[in-house]
Amino acid sequence: MSITASTLAASRCIQPIEALDEAAIASHLAALPDWTIEGGKLARSFAFGNYYETLAFVNAIAWIIHADDHHPELVVTYNRCSVKFDTHSVNQGRGGLSANDFICAAKVDAIFAQRAPA
């Protein structure tokens, strides 16, 4: 079965988890074209019309992400939210990327896609 944004968004995070190898990262990343790898983290920046929209997005993703217990690094400004995922517990605690990072990124994308038009 191929990896798609829909299959990722429908998945749940699990423990224990192992780090993905480069081929698996590339395969997962292909399903999420708006995301990049920055400093070993899965990253995307989202733009909004104002601070209220930005905070509404942050609250919506917090609700969903908390359910999977896999929390991103967030940088919130007036009209932008940068989201970065990685998994600190893989590679014997050295960190890396796991399937959980891509699952949660797909869920964040789904929330962003549902926002009200500007």
C-alpha atoms as a PDB file:
ATOM      1  CA  MET A   1       0.000   0.000   0.000  1.00  0.00           C
ATOM      2  CA  SER A   2       1.359   3.413  -0.903  1.00  0.00           C
ATOM      3  CA  ILE A   3       1.668   6.224   1.594  1.00  0.00           C
ATOM      4  CA  THR A   4      -0.786   9.082   1.084  1.00  0.00           C
ATOM      5  CA  ALA A   5      -1.762  12.119   3.116  1.00  0.00           C
ATOM      6  CA  SER A   6      -5.177  10.512   3.692  1.00  0.00           C
ATOM      7  CA  THR A   7      -3.765   7.241   5.023  1.00  0.00           C
ATOM      8  CA  LEU A   8      -1.375   9.149   7.263  1.00  0.00           C
ATOM      9  CA  ALA A   9      -4.138  11.415   8.626  1.00  0.00           C
ATOM     10  CA  ALA A  10      -6.308   8.381   9.365  1.00  0.00           C
ATOM     11  CA  SER A  11      -3.527   6.694  11.351  1.00  0.00           C
ATOM     12  CA  ARG A  12      -2.783   6.890  15.056  1.00  0.00           C
ATOM     13  CA  CYS A  13       0.607   7.363  16.657  1.00  0.00           C
ATOM     14  CA  ILE A  14       1.990   4.292  18.365  1.00  0.00           C
ATOM     15  CA  GLN A  15       4.783   3.403  20.822  1.00  0.00           C
ATOM     16  CA  PRO A  16       7.400   2.027  20.740  1.00  0.00           C
ATOM     17  CA  ILE A  17       8.645   3.588  17.558  1.00  0.00           C
ATOM     18  CA  GLU A  18      11.773   3.362  15.494  1.00  0.00           C
ATOM     19  CA  ALA A  19      13.409   6.050  13.408  1.00  0.00           C
ATOM     20  CA  LEU A  20      12.706   5.941   9.696  1.00  0.00           C
ATOM     21  CA  ASP A  21      15.587   5.397   7.302  1.00  0.00           C
ATOM     22  CA  GLU A  22      16.277   7.823   4.441  1.00  0.00           C
ATOM     23  CA  ALA A  23      14.179   5.844   1.925  1.00  0.00           C
ATOM     24  CA  ALA A  24      11.182   5.728   4.258  1.00  0.00           C
ATOM     25  CA  ILE A  25      11.532   9.440   5.018  1.00  0.00           C
ATOM     26  CA  ALA A  26      11.527  10.209   1.286  1.00  0.00           C
ATOM     27  CA  SER A  27       8.463   8.015   0.761  1.00  0.00           C
ATOM     28  CA  HIS A  28       6.555   9.669   3.604  1.00  0.00           C
ATOM     29  CA  LEU A  29       7.666  13.153   2.553  1.00  0.00           C
ATOM     30  CA  ALA A  30       6.319  12.554  -0.966  1.00  0.00           C
ATOM     31  CA  ALA A  31       2.832  12.274   0.560  1.00  0.00           C
ATOM     32  CA  LEU A  32       3.202  15.698   2.196  1.00  0.00           C
ATOM     33  CA  PRO A  33       4.574  18.020  -0.517  1.00  0.00           C
ATOM     34  CA  ASP A  34       4.291  21.219   1.544  1.00  0.00           C
ATOM     35  CA  TRP A  35       6.598  19.885   4.263  1.00  0.00           C
ATOM     36  CA  THR A  36      10.403  19.893   4.232  1.00  0.00           C
ATOM     37  CA  ILE A  37      13.191  18.514   6.364  1.00  0.00           C
ATOM     38  CA  GLU A  38      14.986  21.298   8.270  1.00  0.00           C
ATOM     39  CA  GLY A  39      17.739  20.443  10.695  1.00  0.00           C
ATOM     40  CA  GLY A  40      16.504  16.867  10.993  1.00  0.00           C
ATOM     41  CA  LYS A  41      12.921  17.964  11.703  1.00  0.00           C
ATOM     42  CA  LEU A  42       9.783  17.792   9.580  1.00  0.00           C
ATOM     43  CA  ALA A  43       8.810  21.437   9.071  1.00  0.00           C
ATOM     44  CA  ARG A  44       6.126  23.625   7.523  1.00  0.00           C
ATOM     45  CA  SER A  45       5.059  27.248   7.948  1.00  0.00           C
ATOM     46  CA  PHE A  46       1.385  28.258   7.719  1.00  0.00           C
ATOM     47  CA  ALA A  47       0.210  31.792   6.848  1.00  0.00           C
ATOM     48  CA  PHE A  48      -2.968  33.464   8.132  1.00  0.00           C
ATOM     49  CA  GLY A  49      -4.765  36.780   7.784  1.00  0.00           C
ATOM     50  CA  ASN A  50      -4.400  37.859  11.394  1.00  0.00           C
ATOM     51  CA  TYR A  51      -3.510  36.819  14.922  1.00  0.00           C
ATOM     52  CA  TYR A  52      -6.970  35.446  15.709  1.00  0.00           C
ATOM     53  CA  GLU A  53      -6.817  33.031  12.740  1.00  0.00           C
ATOM     54  CA  THR A  54      -3.303  31.994  13.736  1.00  0.00           C
ATOM     55  CA  LEU A  55      -4.353  31.231  17.316  1.00  0.00           C
ATOM     56  CA  ALA A  56      -7.495  29.418  16.185  1.00  0.00           C
ATOM     57  CA  PHE A  57      -5.269  27.146  14.090  1.00  0.00           C
ATOM     58  CA  VAL A  58      -2.882  26.579  17.006  1.00  0.00           C
ATOM     59  CA  ASN A  59      -5.789  25.635  19.281  1.00  0.00           C
ATOM     60  CA  ALA A  60      -7.265  23.292  16.675  1.00  0.00           C
ATOM     61  CA  ILE A  61      -3.992  21.455  16.104  1.00  0.00           C
ATOM     62  CA  ALA A  62      -3.336  21.318  19.851  1.00  0.00           C
ATOM     63  CA  TRP A  63      -6.598  19.434  20.331  1.00  0.00           C
ATOM     64  CA  ILE A  64      -5.816  16.874  17.623  1.00  0.00           C
ATOM     65  CA  ILE A  65      -2.115  16.486  18.359  1.00  0.00           C
ATOM     66  CA  HIS A  66      -2.697  16.038  22.088  1.00  0.00           C
ATOM     67  CA  ALA A  67      -4.924  13.044  21.322  1.00  0.00           C
ATOM     68  CA  ASP A  68      -1.914  11.377  19.658  1.00  0.00           C
ATOM     69  CA  ASP A  69       0.475  12.521  22.410  1.00  0.00           C
ATOM     70  CA  HIS A  70       3.025  13.663  19.835  1.00  0.00           C
ATOM     71  CA  HIS A  71       3.662  17.362  20.257  1.00  0.00           C
ATOM     72  CA  PRO A  72       5.403  19.646  17.759  1.00  0.00           C
ATOM     73  CA  GLU A  73       7.639  22.627  18.199  1.00  0.00           C
ATOM     74  CA  LEU A  74       5.539  25.720  17.412  1.00  0.00           C
ATOM     75  CA  VAL A  75       6.590  29.272  16.633  1.00  0.00           C
ATOM     76  CA  VAL A  76       3.582  31.588  16.615  1.00  0.00           C
ATOM     77  CA  THR A  77       3.594  35.151  15.303  1.00  0.00           C
ATOM     78  CA  TYR A  78       0.873  37.583  14.240  1.00  0.00           C
ATOM     79  CA  ASN A  79      -0.037  35.846  10.988  1.00  0.00           C
ATOM     80  CA  ARG A  80       2.167  32.762  10.824  1.00  0.00           C
ATOM     81  CA  CYS A  81       2.673  29.496  12.630  1.00  0.00           C
ATOM     82  CA  SER A  82       5.740  27.349  12.030  1.00  0.00           C
ATOM     83  CA  VAL A  83       5.377  23.692  12.964  1.00  0.00           C
ATOM     84  CA  LYS A  84       8.258  21.234  13.396  1.00  0.00           C
ATOM     85  CA  PHE A  85       8.013  17.573  14.292  1.00  0.00           C
ATOM     86  CA  ASP A  86      10.633  15.089  15.361  1.00  0.00           C
ATOM     87  CA  THR A  87      10.694  12.130  17.719  1.00  0.00           C
ATOM     88  CA  HIS A  88      13.143  12.531  20.579  1.00  0.00           C
ATOM     89  CA  SER A  89      12.785   8.941  21.809  1.00  0.00           C
ATOM     90  CA  VAL A  90      14.060   7.114  18.692  1.00  0.00           C
ATOM     91  CA  ASN A  91      17.675   6.120  17.997  1.00  0.00           C
ATOM     92  CA  GLN A  92      18.262   5.241  21.661  1.00  0.00           C
ATOM     93  CA  GLY A  93      17.176   8.721  22.706  1.00  0.00           C
ATOM     94  CA  ARG A  94      19.252  10.588  20.122  1.00  0.00           C
ATOM     95  CA  GLY A  95      16.116  11.496  18.169  1.00  0.00           C
ATOM     96  CA  GLY A  96      15.128  11.374  14.540  1.00  0.00           C
ATOM     97  CA  LEU A  97      12.037  11.130  12.402  1.00  0.00           C
ATOM     98  CA  SER A  98       9.379   8.480  12.903  1.00  0.00           C
ATOM     99  CA  ALA A  99       6.091   7.634  11.227  1.00  0.00           C
ATOM    100  CA  ASN A 100       4.415   9.568  14.066  1.00  0.00           C
ATOM    101  CA  ASP A 101       5.899  12.819  12.762  1.00  0.00           C
ATOM    102  CA  PHE A 102       4.332  12.288   9.348  1.00  0.00           C
ATOM    103  CA  ILE A 103       1.008  11.121  10.798  1.00  0.00           C
ATOM    104  CA  CYS A 104       0.697  14.294  12.852  1.00  0.00           C
ATOM    105  CA  ALA A 105       1.857  16.499   9.969  1.00  0.00           C
ATOM    106  CA  ALA A 106      -0.917  15.048   7.791  1.00  0.00           C
ATOM    107  CA  LYS A 107      -3.447  15.820  10.526  1.00  0.00           C
ATOM    108  CA  VAL A 108      -2.149  19.399  10.765  1.00  0.00           C
ATOM    109  CA  ASP A 109      -2.514  19.737   6.973  1.00  0.00           C
ATOM    110  CA  ALA A 110      -6.097  18.466   7.173  1.00  0.00           C
ATOM    111  CA  ILE A 111      -6.947  21.093   9.785  1.00  0.00           C
ATOM    112  CA  PHE A 112      -5.327  23.836   7.716  1.00  0.00           C
ATOM    113  CA  ALA A 113      -7.330  22.727   4.662  1.00  0.00           C
ATOM    114  CA  GLN A 114     -10.586  23.148   6.620  1.00  0.00           C
ATOM    115  CA  ARG A 115      -9.980  26.767   7.610  1.00  0.00           C
ATOM    116  CA  ALA A 116     -12.513  29.384   6.564  1.00  0.00           C
ATOM    117  CA  PRO A 117     -11.635  31.254   3.369  1.00  0.00           C
ATOM    118  CA  ALA A 118     -10.104  34.694   3.925  1.00  0.00           C
END
